N, C-alpha and C. Protein backbone atom coordinates (compact mmCIF):
# COMPACT_ATOMS: atom_id res chain seq x y z
N UNK A 1 0.85 -1.20 0.00
CA UNK A 1 0.00 0.00 0.00
C UNK A 1 0.88 1.24 0.00
N UNK A 2 0.66 2.12 -0.98
CA UNK A 2 1.47 3.33 -1.10
C UNK A 2 0.76 4.49 -0.41
N UNK A 3 1.53 5.37 0.21
CA UNK A 3 0.97 6.54 0.86
C UNK A 3 1.38 7.82 0.14
N UNK A 4 2.59 7.86 -0.39
CA UNK A 4 3.12 9.05 -1.04
C UNK A 4 3.29 8.83 -2.54
N UNK A 5 3.91 7.74 -2.89
CA UNK A 5 4.19 7.41 -4.29
C UNK A 5 2.91 6.92 -4.95
N UNK A 6 2.73 7.26 -6.21
CA UNK A 6 1.57 6.77 -6.96
C UNK A 6 1.55 5.24 -6.94
N UNK A 7 0.37 4.66 -6.77
CA UNK A 7 0.24 3.21 -6.60
C UNK A 7 0.88 2.43 -7.75
N UNK A 8 0.68 2.88 -8.97
CA UNK A 8 1.24 2.15 -10.12
C UNK A 8 2.76 2.16 -10.09
N UNK A 9 3.33 3.27 -9.62
CA UNK A 9 4.79 3.36 -9.53
C UNK A 9 5.30 2.41 -8.47
N UNK A 10 4.61 2.34 -7.33
CA UNK A 10 5.04 1.44 -6.27
C UNK A 10 4.90 -0.01 -6.72
N UNK A 11 3.83 -0.33 -7.42
CA UNK A 11 3.65 -1.69 -7.93
C UNK A 11 4.79 -2.05 -8.89
N UNK A 12 5.19 -1.10 -9.74
CA UNK A 12 6.31 -1.34 -10.65
C UNK A 12 7.59 -1.61 -9.87
N UNK A 13 7.82 -0.80 -8.82
CA UNK A 13 9.01 -0.99 -7.99
C UNK A 13 9.00 -2.36 -7.33
N UNK A 14 7.84 -2.80 -6.84
CA UNK A 14 7.74 -4.12 -6.23
C UNK A 14 8.04 -5.22 -7.24
N UNK A 15 7.52 -5.06 -8.45
CA UNK A 15 7.72 -6.07 -9.50
C UNK A 15 9.18 -6.16 -9.93
N UNK A 16 9.94 -5.10 -9.70
CA UNK A 16 11.34 -5.08 -10.13
C UNK A 16 12.29 -5.13 -8.95
N UNK A 17 11.81 -5.64 -7.84
CA UNK A 17 12.64 -5.92 -6.67
C UNK A 17 12.64 -7.41 -6.43
N UNK A 18 13.66 -7.92 -5.75
CA UNK A 18 13.73 -9.34 -5.44
C UNK A 18 12.44 -9.77 -4.74
N UNK A 19 11.80 -10.83 -5.19
CA UNK A 19 10.53 -11.25 -4.58
C UNK A 19 10.71 -11.58 -3.10
N UNK A 20 9.67 -11.29 -2.32
CA UNK A 20 9.66 -11.65 -0.91
C UNK A 20 9.29 -13.11 -0.75
N UNK A 21 9.57 -13.66 0.42
CA UNK A 21 9.12 -15.01 0.72
C UNK A 21 7.60 -15.07 0.67
N UNK A 22 7.08 -16.20 0.24
CA UNK A 22 5.63 -16.39 0.18
C UNK A 22 4.98 -16.19 1.55
N UNK A 23 5.73 -16.45 2.59
CA UNK A 23 5.25 -16.24 3.95
C UNK A 23 4.76 -14.82 4.17
N UNK A 24 5.45 -13.84 3.59
CA UNK A 24 5.05 -12.45 3.78
C UNK A 24 3.73 -12.15 3.10
N UNK A 25 3.43 -12.82 1.98
CA UNK A 25 2.13 -12.63 1.34
C UNK A 25 1.02 -13.12 2.25
N UNK A 26 1.24 -14.26 2.90
CA UNK A 26 0.22 -14.78 3.82
C UNK A 26 0.09 -13.91 5.06
N UNK A 27 1.22 -13.41 5.56
CA UNK A 27 1.19 -12.51 6.71
C UNK A 27 0.41 -11.25 6.37
N UNK A 28 0.66 -10.69 5.19
CA UNK A 28 -0.05 -9.48 4.78
C UNK A 28 -1.55 -9.75 4.65
N UNK A 29 -1.90 -10.90 4.08
CA UNK A 29 -3.32 -11.24 3.91
C UNK A 29 -4.00 -11.39 5.27
N UNK A 30 -3.35 -12.06 6.21
CA UNK A 30 -3.94 -12.24 7.53
C UNK A 30 -4.04 -10.91 8.27
N UNK A 31 -3.06 -10.05 8.08
CA UNK A 31 -3.11 -8.72 8.70
C UNK A 31 -4.30 -7.94 8.19
N UNK A 32 -4.54 -7.98 6.89
CA UNK A 32 -5.69 -7.27 6.32
C UNK A 32 -7.00 -7.85 6.82
N UNK A 33 -7.02 -9.16 7.03
CA UNK A 33 -8.25 -9.84 7.45
C UNK A 33 -8.56 -9.62 8.93
N UNK A 34 -7.54 -9.59 9.78
CA UNK A 34 -7.78 -9.66 11.22
C UNK A 34 -7.52 -8.37 11.99
N UNK A 35 -7.00 -7.34 11.34
CA UNK A 35 -6.72 -6.09 12.07
C UNK A 35 -7.54 -4.95 11.49
N UNK A 36 -7.76 -3.95 12.33
CA UNK A 36 -8.57 -2.80 11.90
C UNK A 36 -7.75 -1.74 11.18
N UNK A 37 -6.43 -1.80 11.27
CA UNK A 37 -5.58 -0.80 10.62
C UNK A 37 -4.42 -1.49 9.90
N UNK A 38 -4.73 -2.29 8.86
CA UNK A 38 -3.66 -3.05 8.19
C UNK A 38 -2.61 -2.16 7.54
N UNK A 39 -2.94 -0.87 7.32
CA UNK A 39 -1.96 0.04 6.72
C UNK A 39 -0.77 0.28 7.64
N UNK A 40 -0.88 -0.14 8.91
CA UNK A 40 0.26 0.00 9.83
C UNK A 40 1.39 -0.95 9.47
N UNK A 41 1.10 -1.98 8.71
CA UNK A 41 2.12 -2.96 8.32
C UNK A 41 3.06 -2.35 7.28
N UNK A 42 4.36 -2.56 7.45
CA UNK A 42 5.28 -2.11 6.40
C UNK A 42 5.02 -2.94 5.16
N UNK A 43 5.18 -2.35 4.01
CA UNK A 43 4.96 -3.07 2.76
C UNK A 43 6.21 -3.78 2.28
N UNK A 44 6.11 -4.35 1.09
CA UNK A 44 7.21 -5.15 0.56
C UNK A 44 8.46 -4.31 0.35
N UNK A 45 8.30 -3.10 -0.21
CA UNK A 45 9.46 -2.25 -0.49
C UNK A 45 10.16 -1.86 0.81
N UNK A 46 9.37 -1.41 1.78
CA UNK A 46 9.98 -0.98 3.05
C UNK A 46 10.58 -2.16 3.81
N UNK A 47 9.90 -3.30 3.77
CA UNK A 47 10.46 -4.49 4.41
C UNK A 47 11.81 -4.87 3.82
N UNK A 48 11.89 -4.82 2.48
CA UNK A 48 13.17 -5.10 1.81
C UNK A 48 14.23 -4.08 2.22
N UNK A 49 13.84 -2.81 2.25
CA UNK A 49 14.81 -1.76 2.58
C UNK A 49 15.34 -1.94 4.00
N UNK A 50 14.46 -2.26 4.95
CA UNK A 50 14.91 -2.49 6.32
C UNK A 50 15.90 -3.64 6.38
N UNK A 51 15.61 -4.71 5.66
CA UNK A 51 16.52 -5.85 5.63
C UNK A 51 17.87 -5.45 5.05
N UNK A 52 17.85 -4.67 3.98
CA UNK A 52 19.12 -4.26 3.37
C UNK A 52 19.90 -3.33 4.30
N UNK A 53 19.20 -2.48 5.04
CA UNK A 53 19.89 -1.61 6.00
C UNK A 53 20.56 -2.43 7.10
N UNK A 54 19.90 -3.50 7.53
CA UNK A 54 20.52 -4.40 8.50
C UNK A 54 21.79 -5.00 7.92
N UNK A 55 21.70 -5.47 6.69
CA UNK A 55 22.88 -6.09 6.05
C UNK A 55 24.00 -5.07 5.83
N UNK A 56 23.64 -3.91 5.28
CA UNK A 56 24.66 -2.91 4.95
C UNK A 56 25.34 -2.36 6.20
N UNK A 57 24.59 -2.22 7.27
CA UNK A 57 25.17 -1.70 8.51
C UNK A 57 25.82 -2.79 9.35
N UNK A 58 25.66 -4.04 8.90
CA UNK A 58 26.17 -5.20 9.64
C UNK A 58 25.65 -5.21 11.07
N UNK A 59 24.40 -4.84 11.20
CA UNK A 59 23.77 -4.77 12.52
C UNK A 59 23.68 -6.14 13.16
N UNK A 60 23.93 -6.17 14.45
CA UNK A 60 23.77 -7.38 15.24
C UNK A 60 22.68 -7.22 16.30
N UNK A 61 22.48 -5.98 16.75
CA UNK A 61 21.44 -5.71 17.75
C UNK A 61 20.49 -4.67 17.18
N UNK A 62 19.21 -5.02 17.12
CA UNK A 62 18.18 -4.15 16.54
C UNK A 62 17.10 -3.93 17.59
N UNK A 63 16.64 -2.69 17.70
CA UNK A 63 15.53 -2.36 18.57
C UNK A 63 14.40 -1.81 17.71
N UNK A 64 13.22 -2.42 17.86
CA UNK A 64 12.04 -1.97 17.11
C UNK A 64 10.96 -1.55 18.09
N UNK A 65 10.38 -0.37 17.85
CA UNK A 65 9.24 0.10 18.63
C UNK A 65 8.01 0.01 17.73
N UNK A 66 7.13 -0.94 18.03
CA UNK A 66 5.94 -1.16 17.21
C UNK A 66 6.04 -2.45 16.42
N UNK A 67 5.72 -3.57 17.05
CA UNK A 67 5.82 -4.87 16.40
C UNK A 67 4.74 -5.08 15.36
N UNK A 68 3.51 -4.71 15.72
CA UNK A 68 2.29 -4.99 14.96
C UNK A 68 2.24 -6.49 14.65
N UNK A 69 2.09 -6.90 13.39
CA UNK A 69 2.00 -8.33 13.08
C UNK A 69 3.32 -8.94 12.63
N UNK A 70 4.40 -8.17 12.73
CA UNK A 70 5.72 -8.77 12.58
C UNK A 70 6.41 -8.68 11.24
N UNK A 71 5.81 -8.00 10.27
CA UNK A 71 6.44 -7.94 8.94
C UNK A 71 7.85 -7.36 9.03
N UNK A 72 8.00 -6.24 9.74
CA UNK A 72 9.30 -5.58 9.79
C UNK A 72 10.29 -6.35 10.66
N UNK A 73 9.86 -6.84 11.81
CA UNK A 73 10.80 -7.55 12.69
C UNK A 73 11.29 -8.83 12.03
N UNK A 74 10.42 -9.55 11.33
CA UNK A 74 10.83 -10.77 10.65
C UNK A 74 11.77 -10.43 9.49
N UNK A 75 11.45 -9.37 8.74
CA UNK A 75 12.32 -8.95 7.64
C UNK A 75 13.73 -8.66 8.14
N UNK A 76 13.83 -7.93 9.25
CA UNK A 76 15.14 -7.59 9.79
C UNK A 76 15.84 -8.80 10.39
N UNK A 77 15.08 -9.65 11.08
CA UNK A 77 15.68 -10.85 11.69
C UNK A 77 16.28 -11.77 10.64
N UNK A 78 15.62 -11.89 9.50
CA UNK A 78 16.14 -12.75 8.42
C UNK A 78 17.47 -12.23 7.87
N UNK A 79 17.72 -10.93 8.03
CA UNK A 79 18.95 -10.33 7.50
C UNK A 79 20.08 -10.30 8.51
N UNK A 80 19.82 -10.69 9.75
CA UNK A 80 20.84 -10.63 10.79
C UNK A 80 21.91 -11.69 10.58
N UNK A 81 23.14 -11.42 11.01
CA UNK A 81 24.18 -12.45 11.01
C UNK A 81 23.92 -13.43 12.15
N UNK A 82 24.60 -14.57 12.16
CA UNK A 82 24.44 -15.51 13.28
C UNK A 82 24.69 -14.82 14.61
N UNK A 83 23.82 -15.07 15.57
CA UNK A 83 23.95 -14.45 16.88
C UNK A 83 23.27 -13.11 17.01
N UNK A 84 22.75 -12.57 15.89
CA UNK A 84 22.07 -11.28 15.92
C UNK A 84 20.70 -11.40 16.57
N UNK A 85 20.18 -10.25 17.01
CA UNK A 85 18.91 -10.28 17.75
C UNK A 85 18.13 -8.99 17.54
N UNK A 86 16.80 -9.15 17.43
CA UNK A 86 15.86 -8.03 17.39
C UNK A 86 15.08 -8.02 18.69
N UNK A 87 15.06 -6.88 19.37
CA UNK A 87 14.12 -6.68 20.47
C UNK A 87 13.00 -5.81 19.93
N UNK A 88 11.76 -6.30 20.01
CA UNK A 88 10.63 -5.57 19.45
C UNK A 88 9.56 -5.38 20.50
N UNK A 89 8.99 -4.18 20.55
CA UNK A 89 8.07 -3.79 21.62
C UNK A 89 6.68 -3.46 21.05
N UNK A 90 5.65 -3.86 21.78
CA UNK A 90 4.29 -3.50 21.42
C UNK A 90 3.40 -3.67 22.64
N UNK A 91 2.21 -3.06 22.58
CA UNK A 91 1.26 -3.20 23.69
C UNK A 91 0.10 -4.11 23.34
N UNK A 92 0.02 -4.55 22.08
CA UNK A 92 -1.12 -5.35 21.62
C UNK A 92 -0.75 -6.83 21.61
N UNK A 93 -1.35 -7.59 22.50
CA UNK A 93 -1.02 -9.01 22.61
C UNK A 93 -1.51 -9.81 21.41
N UNK A 94 -2.67 -9.45 20.86
CA UNK A 94 -3.24 -10.22 19.75
C UNK A 94 -2.37 -10.11 18.49
N UNK A 95 -1.97 -8.89 18.14
CA UNK A 95 -1.14 -8.74 16.95
C UNK A 95 0.26 -9.32 17.18
N UNK A 96 0.76 -9.21 18.41
CA UNK A 96 2.06 -9.81 18.72
C UNK A 96 2.01 -11.32 18.59
N UNK A 97 0.89 -11.93 18.94
CA UNK A 97 0.74 -13.38 18.77
C UNK A 97 0.85 -13.78 17.31
N UNK A 98 0.28 -12.96 16.42
CA UNK A 98 0.43 -13.22 14.98
C UNK A 98 1.90 -13.14 14.59
N UNK A 99 2.58 -12.12 15.09
CA UNK A 99 4.01 -11.96 14.78
C UNK A 99 4.82 -13.15 15.28
N UNK A 100 4.53 -13.63 16.47
CA UNK A 100 5.25 -14.78 17.02
C UNK A 100 5.06 -16.01 16.13
N UNK A 101 3.84 -16.22 15.69
CA UNK A 101 3.54 -17.41 14.88
C UNK A 101 4.30 -17.39 13.56
N UNK A 102 4.32 -16.22 12.90
CA UNK A 102 5.03 -16.14 11.62
C UNK A 102 6.54 -16.15 11.81
N UNK A 103 7.02 -15.60 12.91
CA UNK A 103 8.46 -15.67 13.20
C UNK A 103 8.89 -17.11 13.38
N UNK A 104 8.07 -17.89 14.04
CA UNK A 104 8.36 -19.32 14.21
C UNK A 104 8.41 -20.01 12.85
N UNK A 105 7.43 -19.73 12.01
CA UNK A 105 7.40 -20.36 10.68
C UNK A 105 8.60 -19.93 9.84
N UNK A 106 9.01 -18.67 9.98
CA UNK A 106 10.15 -18.16 9.20
C UNK A 106 11.48 -18.67 9.73
N UNK A 107 11.48 -19.31 10.89
CA UNK A 107 12.71 -19.84 11.46
C UNK A 107 13.55 -18.82 12.17
N UNK A 108 12.92 -17.70 12.59
CA UNK A 108 13.70 -16.65 13.25
C UNK A 108 13.19 -16.34 14.66
N UNK A 109 12.36 -17.22 15.21
CA UNK A 109 11.81 -16.96 16.55
C UNK A 109 12.92 -16.82 17.58
N UNK A 110 14.02 -17.52 17.37
CA UNK A 110 15.13 -17.44 18.33
C UNK A 110 15.93 -16.15 18.19
N UNK A 111 15.67 -15.38 17.13
CA UNK A 111 16.37 -14.10 16.92
C UNK A 111 15.55 -12.90 17.35
N UNK A 112 14.28 -13.12 17.73
CA UNK A 112 13.39 -12.01 18.06
C UNK A 112 12.93 -12.13 19.51
N UNK A 113 13.15 -11.07 20.25
CA UNK A 113 12.73 -10.98 21.65
C UNK A 113 11.50 -10.06 21.70
N UNK A 114 10.32 -10.66 21.86
CA UNK A 114 9.08 -9.89 21.87
C UNK A 114 8.84 -9.35 23.28
N UNK A 115 8.63 -8.05 23.40
CA UNK A 115 8.37 -7.42 24.69
C UNK A 115 6.98 -6.76 24.65
N UNK A 116 6.10 -7.17 25.54
CA UNK A 116 4.77 -6.57 25.66
C UNK A 116 4.78 -5.51 26.75
N UNK A 117 4.23 -4.34 26.45
CA UNK A 117 4.17 -3.27 27.43
C UNK A 117 4.51 -1.94 26.78
N UNK A 118 4.25 -0.83 27.46
CA UNK A 118 4.58 0.49 26.93
C UNK A 118 6.06 0.58 26.56
N UNK A 119 6.32 1.09 25.37
CA UNK A 119 7.70 1.08 24.86
C UNK A 119 8.66 1.88 25.73
N UNK A 120 8.22 3.02 26.26
CA UNK A 120 9.12 3.83 27.07
C UNK A 120 9.54 3.10 28.34
N UNK A 121 8.64 2.29 28.89
CA UNK A 121 9.00 1.49 30.07
C UNK A 121 10.00 0.40 29.69
N UNK A 122 9.79 -0.21 28.52
CA UNK A 122 10.72 -1.24 28.05
C UNK A 122 12.10 -0.64 27.79
N UNK A 123 12.13 0.50 27.10
CA UNK A 123 13.41 1.14 26.77
C UNK A 123 14.21 1.45 28.03
N UNK A 124 13.52 1.87 29.07
CA UNK A 124 14.20 2.24 30.31
C UNK A 124 14.95 1.08 30.94
N UNK A 125 14.57 -0.14 30.58
CA UNK A 125 15.20 -1.33 31.15
C UNK A 125 16.27 -1.92 30.24
N UNK A 126 16.52 -1.30 29.08
CA UNK A 126 17.45 -1.86 28.11
C UNK A 126 18.82 -1.21 28.20
N UNK A 127 19.82 -1.98 27.87
CA UNK A 127 21.18 -1.47 27.75
C UNK A 127 21.56 -1.44 26.27
N UNK A 128 22.23 -0.38 25.86
CA UNK A 128 22.75 -0.31 24.50
C UNK A 128 24.10 -0.98 24.42
N UNK A 129 24.79 -0.84 23.29
CA UNK A 129 24.29 -0.09 22.14
C UNK A 129 23.48 -0.97 21.19
N UNK A 130 22.61 -0.30 20.39
CA UNK A 130 21.88 -0.96 19.31
C UNK A 130 22.42 -0.43 17.99
N UNK A 131 22.61 -1.34 17.06
CA UNK A 131 23.15 -0.96 15.75
C UNK A 131 22.08 -0.34 14.86
N UNK A 132 20.83 -0.71 15.09
CA UNK A 132 19.73 -0.16 14.31
C UNK A 132 18.51 -0.02 15.21
N UNK A 133 17.87 1.13 15.15
CA UNK A 133 16.63 1.39 15.89
C UNK A 133 15.56 1.76 14.87
N UNK A 134 14.41 1.08 14.94
CA UNK A 134 13.30 1.35 14.03
C UNK A 134 12.10 1.79 14.87
N UNK A 135 11.66 3.03 14.67
CA UNK A 135 10.54 3.59 15.42
C UNK A 135 9.30 3.61 14.54
N UNK A 136 8.30 2.83 14.94
CA UNK A 136 7.06 2.73 14.17
C UNK A 136 5.90 2.47 15.13
N UNK A 137 5.82 3.30 16.16
CA UNK A 137 4.80 3.10 17.20
C UNK A 137 3.86 4.32 17.22
N UNK A 138 3.20 4.56 18.35
CA UNK A 138 2.23 5.65 18.44
C UNK A 138 2.91 6.99 18.18
N UNK A 139 2.31 7.78 17.31
CA UNK A 139 2.95 9.00 16.83
C UNK A 139 3.10 10.09 17.89
N UNK A 140 2.13 10.29 18.80
CA UNK A 140 2.31 11.36 19.79
C UNK A 140 3.56 11.21 20.66
N UNK A 141 4.11 10.01 20.74
CA UNK A 141 5.31 9.79 21.55
C UNK A 141 6.60 9.80 20.72
N UNK A 142 6.54 10.18 19.46
CA UNK A 142 7.71 10.05 18.60
C UNK A 142 8.93 10.79 19.15
N UNK A 143 8.75 12.03 19.60
CA UNK A 143 9.90 12.77 20.14
C UNK A 143 10.43 12.07 21.39
N UNK A 144 9.53 11.57 22.23
CA UNK A 144 9.96 10.84 23.43
C UNK A 144 10.74 9.58 23.05
N UNK A 145 10.29 8.86 22.04
CA UNK A 145 11.00 7.66 21.61
C UNK A 145 12.38 8.02 21.06
N UNK A 146 12.44 9.08 20.29
CA UNK A 146 13.72 9.53 19.73
C UNK A 146 14.71 9.86 20.84
N UNK A 147 14.26 10.63 21.81
CA UNK A 147 15.16 11.04 22.89
C UNK A 147 15.55 9.85 23.78
N UNK A 148 14.64 8.89 23.94
CA UNK A 148 14.93 7.74 24.80
C UNK A 148 15.88 6.75 24.14
N UNK A 149 15.83 6.65 22.81
CA UNK A 149 16.64 5.64 22.13
C UNK A 149 17.96 6.18 21.58
N UNK A 150 18.06 7.48 21.35
CA UNK A 150 19.31 8.01 20.81
C UNK A 150 20.51 7.68 21.70
N UNK A 151 20.40 7.78 23.04
CA UNK A 151 21.55 7.40 23.87
C UNK A 151 21.92 5.92 23.76
N UNK A 152 21.00 5.09 23.28
CA UNK A 152 21.26 3.66 23.14
C UNK A 152 21.80 3.29 21.76
N UNK A 153 21.84 4.27 20.86
CA UNK A 153 22.28 4.00 19.49
C UNK A 153 23.81 3.93 19.43
N UNK A 154 24.32 2.90 18.76
CA UNK A 154 25.76 2.75 18.58
C UNK A 154 26.32 3.95 17.82
N UNK A 155 27.60 4.21 18.01
CA UNK A 155 28.23 5.35 17.34
C UNK A 155 28.05 5.29 15.84
N UNK A 156 28.11 4.09 15.26
CA UNK A 156 27.93 3.92 13.82
C UNK A 156 26.53 3.39 13.50
N UNK A 157 25.60 3.51 14.45
CA UNK A 157 24.27 2.96 14.28
C UNK A 157 23.37 3.82 13.40
N UNK A 158 22.24 3.25 13.05
CA UNK A 158 21.24 3.92 12.22
C UNK A 158 19.90 3.87 12.94
N UNK A 159 19.21 4.99 12.96
CA UNK A 159 17.84 5.05 13.48
C UNK A 159 16.91 5.39 12.32
N UNK A 160 15.78 4.72 12.25
CA UNK A 160 14.78 5.02 11.23
C UNK A 160 13.46 5.28 11.92
N UNK A 161 12.87 6.44 11.65
CA UNK A 161 11.52 6.74 12.13
C UNK A 161 10.57 6.62 10.95
N UNK A 162 9.53 5.82 11.11
CA UNK A 162 8.59 5.55 10.01
C UNK A 162 7.43 6.54 10.02
N UNK A 163 6.74 6.61 8.88
CA UNK A 163 5.53 7.44 8.71
C UNK A 163 5.81 8.93 8.91
N UNK A 164 7.00 9.37 8.56
CA UNK A 164 7.38 10.75 8.86
C UNK A 164 6.95 11.76 7.80
N UNK A 165 6.21 11.29 6.78
CA UNK A 165 5.54 12.22 5.87
C UNK A 165 4.02 12.16 6.06
N UNK A 166 3.55 11.10 6.73
CA UNK A 166 2.15 11.03 7.19
C UNK A 166 1.16 11.33 6.07
N UNK A 167 1.31 10.58 4.97
CA UNK A 167 0.46 10.75 3.79
C UNK A 167 0.52 12.17 3.23
N UNK A 168 1.62 12.86 3.47
CA UNK A 168 1.78 14.22 2.98
C UNK A 168 1.17 15.28 3.88
N UNK A 169 0.54 14.84 4.96
CA UNK A 169 -0.18 15.79 5.82
C UNK A 169 0.76 16.73 6.56
N UNK A 170 2.01 16.30 6.79
CA UNK A 170 2.96 17.18 7.48
C UNK A 170 3.25 18.45 6.68
N UNK A 171 3.03 18.41 5.38
CA UNK A 171 3.30 19.57 4.53
C UNK A 171 2.08 20.48 4.39
N UNK A 172 0.98 20.12 5.04
CA UNK A 172 -0.24 20.93 4.97
C UNK A 172 -0.34 21.76 6.25
N UNK A 173 -0.10 23.06 6.16
CA UNK A 173 -0.10 23.89 7.38
C UNK A 173 -1.45 23.96 8.06
N UNK A 174 -2.51 23.61 7.35
CA UNK A 174 -3.85 23.65 7.95
C UNK A 174 -4.19 22.38 8.72
N UNK A 175 -3.34 21.37 8.62
CA UNK A 175 -3.58 20.11 9.32
C UNK A 175 -2.96 20.20 10.71
N UNK A 176 -3.80 20.27 11.73
CA UNK A 176 -3.32 20.38 13.10
C UNK A 176 -3.68 19.16 13.94
N UNK A 177 -3.92 18.04 13.28
CA UNK A 177 -4.19 16.79 13.98
C UNK A 177 -3.03 16.46 14.93
N UNK A 178 -3.33 15.82 16.06
CA UNK A 178 -2.30 15.54 17.08
C UNK A 178 -1.13 14.75 16.51
N UNK A 179 -1.44 13.71 15.74
CA UNK A 179 -0.36 12.88 15.20
C UNK A 179 0.45 13.64 14.17
N UNK A 180 -0.23 14.44 13.35
CA UNK A 180 0.48 15.25 12.36
C UNK A 180 1.45 16.21 13.05
N UNK A 181 0.96 16.88 14.08
CA UNK A 181 1.81 17.82 14.81
C UNK A 181 2.98 17.10 15.49
N UNK A 182 2.73 15.89 16.00
CA UNK A 182 3.78 15.13 16.67
C UNK A 182 4.88 14.72 15.69
N UNK A 183 4.49 14.33 14.49
CA UNK A 183 5.49 13.95 13.49
C UNK A 183 6.28 15.17 13.02
N UNK A 184 5.57 16.28 12.84
CA UNK A 184 6.29 17.52 12.51
C UNK A 184 7.32 17.84 13.60
N UNK A 185 6.91 17.68 14.85
CA UNK A 185 7.82 17.99 15.97
C UNK A 185 9.05 17.10 15.91
N UNK A 186 8.87 15.83 15.59
CA UNK A 186 10.03 14.95 15.47
C UNK A 186 10.93 15.39 14.33
N UNK A 187 10.34 15.63 13.15
CA UNK A 187 11.15 16.02 11.99
C UNK A 187 11.93 17.31 12.26
N UNK A 188 11.28 18.25 12.95
CA UNK A 188 11.97 19.49 13.31
C UNK A 188 13.09 19.21 14.31
N UNK A 189 12.82 18.39 15.30
CA UNK A 189 13.83 18.09 16.33
C UNK A 189 15.06 17.43 15.69
N UNK A 190 14.83 16.48 14.82
CA UNK A 190 15.94 15.78 14.18
C UNK A 190 16.75 16.74 13.30
N UNK A 191 16.06 17.53 12.49
CA UNK A 191 16.76 18.47 11.61
C UNK A 191 17.63 19.44 12.38
N UNK A 192 17.15 19.87 13.55
CA UNK A 192 17.84 20.91 14.32
C UNK A 192 18.77 20.35 15.39
N UNK A 193 18.87 19.04 15.49
CA UNK A 193 19.66 18.40 16.54
C UNK A 193 21.13 18.32 16.11
N UNK A 194 22.04 19.02 16.79
CA UNK A 194 23.45 19.00 16.39
C UNK A 194 24.12 17.65 16.61
N UNK A 195 23.44 16.74 17.31
CA UNK A 195 24.03 15.43 17.58
C UNK A 195 23.94 14.49 16.38
N UNK A 196 23.06 14.80 15.41
CA UNK A 196 22.77 13.84 14.35
C UNK A 196 22.76 14.51 12.98
N UNK A 197 22.79 13.66 11.96
CA UNK A 197 22.49 14.09 10.60
C UNK A 197 21.47 13.11 10.04
N UNK A 198 20.68 13.55 9.06
CA UNK A 198 19.56 12.72 8.61
C UNK A 198 19.20 12.98 7.17
N UNK A 199 18.40 12.07 6.63
CA UNK A 199 17.74 12.29 5.34
C UNK A 199 16.31 11.78 5.48
N UNK A 200 15.35 12.61 5.07
CA UNK A 200 13.94 12.25 5.13
C UNK A 200 13.54 11.72 3.76
N UNK A 201 13.33 10.41 3.68
CA UNK A 201 13.07 9.74 2.41
C UNK A 201 11.58 9.65 2.09
N UNK A 202 11.26 9.74 0.81
CA UNK A 202 9.88 9.61 0.36
C UNK A 202 9.57 8.16 0.00
N UNK A 203 9.94 7.25 0.87
CA UNK A 203 9.63 5.83 0.70
C UNK A 203 8.33 5.53 1.44
N UNK A 204 7.39 4.96 0.75
CA UNK A 204 6.09 4.61 1.31
C UNK A 204 5.47 5.81 2.02
N UNK A 205 5.47 5.86 3.34
CA UNK A 205 4.84 6.97 4.06
C UNK A 205 5.87 7.89 4.69
N UNK A 206 7.10 7.79 4.21
CA UNK A 206 8.18 8.62 4.73
C UNK A 206 9.02 7.89 5.75
N UNK A 207 10.32 7.88 5.56
CA UNK A 207 11.26 7.25 6.49
C UNK A 207 12.36 8.27 6.78
N UNK A 208 12.48 8.65 8.04
CA UNK A 208 13.54 9.57 8.45
C UNK A 208 14.73 8.74 8.91
N UNK A 209 15.81 8.77 8.16
CA UNK A 209 17.00 7.96 8.43
C UNK A 209 18.02 8.84 9.13
N UNK A 210 18.44 8.42 10.32
CA UNK A 210 19.20 9.28 11.23
C UNK A 210 20.49 8.57 11.66
N UNK A 211 21.59 9.31 11.66
CA UNK A 211 22.87 8.80 12.16
C UNK A 211 23.50 9.85 13.07
N UNK A 212 24.31 9.36 14.01
CA UNK A 212 25.06 10.29 14.85
C UNK A 212 26.04 11.11 13.99
N UNK A 213 26.15 12.37 14.30
CA UNK A 213 27.10 13.23 13.59
C UNK A 213 28.52 12.92 14.05
N UNK A 214 29.43 12.81 13.10
CA UNK A 214 30.81 12.47 13.43
C UNK A 214 31.66 13.72 13.55
């Protein structure tokens, strides 16, 4: 499902990317069938990109905020080297159960540590460093998640905040919805933060890719 790019263009991009495992097609179908907001699931292009970022960064420890039904955590876990691990956080037990089941089928259940509970409480109990942090949870807390996880990011680590174009709504000055304002606040904070450098990508619904400034 495309949010920013025209649907036909995204379909073309999917057709000209390495095919995903058939398991992801079934996961996507079950997500659409059993959840009220299936658009929360990362799509094929974003799932591939996350996996490639894991490979390119040689990440061994990944922190994900927002498990949902597991498309992104499984994609990243499949790209990990031996001994690598994803810690993924969510508050929804039902969708996490779907993620656990597909992780087991994909053969990566031993690489994913599922944590149920508010993400900020989970983060407070974690020790860094993490080579990759993926933020895809409730939008009003985005700045809080950024500030809580940046100290845990490895010096050469990568942080990705998802949905940072919010269907283009962040560019509409008349849109004052709480989530829109929260995403704008994150994008502004990252741009103005002397600790980091970033690029805001127009992939799917927007991905803000952040690294520590050297």
